[in-house]
């Protein structure tokens, strides 16, 4: 899991948002049916990277809609119990920064 998180962050930093989505989806997909705040938060992070990719492609309206999905899941950050919690906080801050710079 740690390597997938690190790869996700690297892809974000390199503005390879599609690849970021793929990196984290590898961790999320096998767990997607779990009723877990952590799994839902991962889905939110994936949504954020999709939003950035849509924005990059000029699909601004769709990008904003997907960003709203991220925001819906972001609040779960405060309910997650995980050994990766510090990573998740860092990712959340990084996503907010990217979004701020894009809009």
Protein backbone atom coordinates (compact mmCIF):
# COMPACT_ATOMS: atom_id res chain seq x y z
CA UNK A 1 0.00 0.00 0.00
CA UNK A 2 2.78 2.42 0.90
CA UNK A 3 4.32 2.07 -2.58
CA UNK A 4 0.95 2.79 -4.21
CA UNK A 5 0.54 5.93 -2.10
CA UNK A 6 4.06 7.07 -2.97
CA UNK A 7 3.45 6.40 -6.66
CA UNK A 8 0.18 8.34 -6.49
CA UNK A 9 1.99 11.36 -5.01
CA UNK A 10 4.80 11.18 -7.58
CA UNK A 11 2.27 11.09 -10.41
CA UNK A 12 0.45 14.09 -8.95
CA UNK A 13 3.70 16.04 -8.68
CA UNK A 14 4.51 15.21 -12.31
CA UNK A 15 0.96 16.17 -13.37
CA UNK A 16 0.35 12.63 -14.63
CA UNK A 17 -3.14 12.61 -13.24
CA UNK A 18 -4.39 9.59 -15.19
CA UNK A 19 -1.44 7.57 -13.90
CA UNK A 20 -2.14 8.81 -10.37
CA UNK A 21 -5.68 7.50 -10.71
CA UNK A 22 -4.37 4.12 -11.86
CA UNK A 23 -1.79 3.91 -9.07
CA UNK A 24 -4.32 4.35 -6.30
CA UNK A 25 -7.03 2.34 -7.99
CA UNK A 26 -4.80 -0.72 -7.63
CA UNK A 27 -5.20 -0.38 -3.86
CA UNK A 28 -8.86 0.67 -3.89
CA UNK A 29 -10.35 -1.77 -6.41
CA UNK A 30 -9.95 -5.02 -4.43
CA UNK A 31 -11.51 -3.33 -1.38
CA UNK A 32 -14.20 -1.30 -3.18
CA UNK A 33 -17.12 -3.17 -1.57
CA UNK A 34 -15.90 -2.67 1.99
CA UNK A 35 -17.93 -0.30 4.12
CA UNK A 36 -14.85 1.54 5.31
CA UNK A 37 -14.04 5.22 5.65
CA UNK A 38 -10.52 4.49 4.42
CA UNK A 39 -11.75 2.80 1.24
CA UNK A 40 -14.16 5.66 0.56
CA UNK A 41 -11.39 8.20 1.17
CA UNK A 42 -9.20 6.40 -1.38
CA UNK A 43 -12.10 6.66 -3.83
CA UNK A 44 -12.20 10.39 -3.12
CA UNK A 45 -8.48 10.74 -3.85
CA UNK A 46 -9.02 8.89 -7.13
CA UNK A 47 -11.88 11.27 -7.95
CA UNK A 48 -9.59 14.24 -7.34
CA UNK A 49 -7.00 12.93 -9.79
CA UNK A 50 -9.74 12.31 -12.36
CA UNK A 51 -10.93 15.87 -11.83
CA UNK A 52 -7.45 17.17 -12.58
CA UNK A 53 -7.17 15.04 -15.72
CA UNK A 54 -10.52 16.35 -16.95
CA UNK A 55 -9.39 19.91 -16.27
CA UNK A 56 -6.17 19.28 -18.17
CA UNK A 57 -8.27 18.14 -21.14
CA UNK A 58 -10.35 21.32 -21.01
CA UNK A 59 -13.46 19.62 -19.61
CA UNK A 60 -13.93 22.19 -16.88
CA UNK A 61 -17.60 21.55 -16.07
CA UNK A 62 -17.03 17.80 -15.70
CA UNK A 63 -13.87 18.48 -13.70
CA UNK A 64 -15.77 20.58 -11.17
CA UNK A 65 -18.45 17.91 -10.82
CA UNK A 66 -15.90 15.19 -10.08
CA UNK A 67 -14.09 17.53 -7.67
CA UNK A 68 -17.33 17.79 -5.71
CA UNK A 69 -17.25 13.99 -5.34
CA UNK A 70 -13.79 14.30 -3.84
CA UNK A 71 -15.05 16.91 -1.39
CA UNK A 72 -17.84 14.56 -0.33
CA UNK A 73 -15.28 11.90 0.61
CA UNK A 74 -12.64 14.27 2.01
CA UNK A 75 -14.60 14.70 5.25
CA UNK A 76 -13.94 11.01 5.96
CA UNK A 77 -10.32 11.91 6.57
CA UNK A 78 -11.31 12.69 10.14
CA UNK A 79 -12.90 9.26 10.64
CA UNK A 80 -10.15 7.07 9.21
CA UNK A 81 -8.14 4.82 11.46
CA UNK A 82 -5.11 3.76 9.47
CA UNK A 83 -1.36 3.49 9.70
CA UNK A 84 -1.34 5.67 6.56
CA UNK A 85 -3.27 8.55 8.13
CA UNK A 86 -0.34 10.98 7.94
CA UNK A 87 0.05 10.11 4.25
CA UNK A 88 -3.65 10.75 3.71
CA UNK A 89 -3.45 14.17 5.37
CA UNK A 90 -0.47 15.02 3.19
CA UNK A 91 -2.27 13.87 0.05
CA UNK A 92 -5.32 15.92 0.96
CA UNK A 93 -3.23 19.07 1.38
CA UNK A 94 -1.45 18.38 -1.91
CA UNK A 95 -4.74 17.88 -3.75
CA UNK A 96 -6.09 21.15 -2.35
CA UNK A 97 -2.96 22.94 -3.52
CA UNK A 98 -3.19 21.51 -7.03
CA UNK A 99 -6.86 22.42 -7.22
CA UNK A 100 -6.17 25.95 -6.04
CA UNK A 101 -3.47 26.41 -8.68
CA UNK A 102 -5.71 25.06 -11.44
CA UNK A 103 -8.78 27.16 -10.80
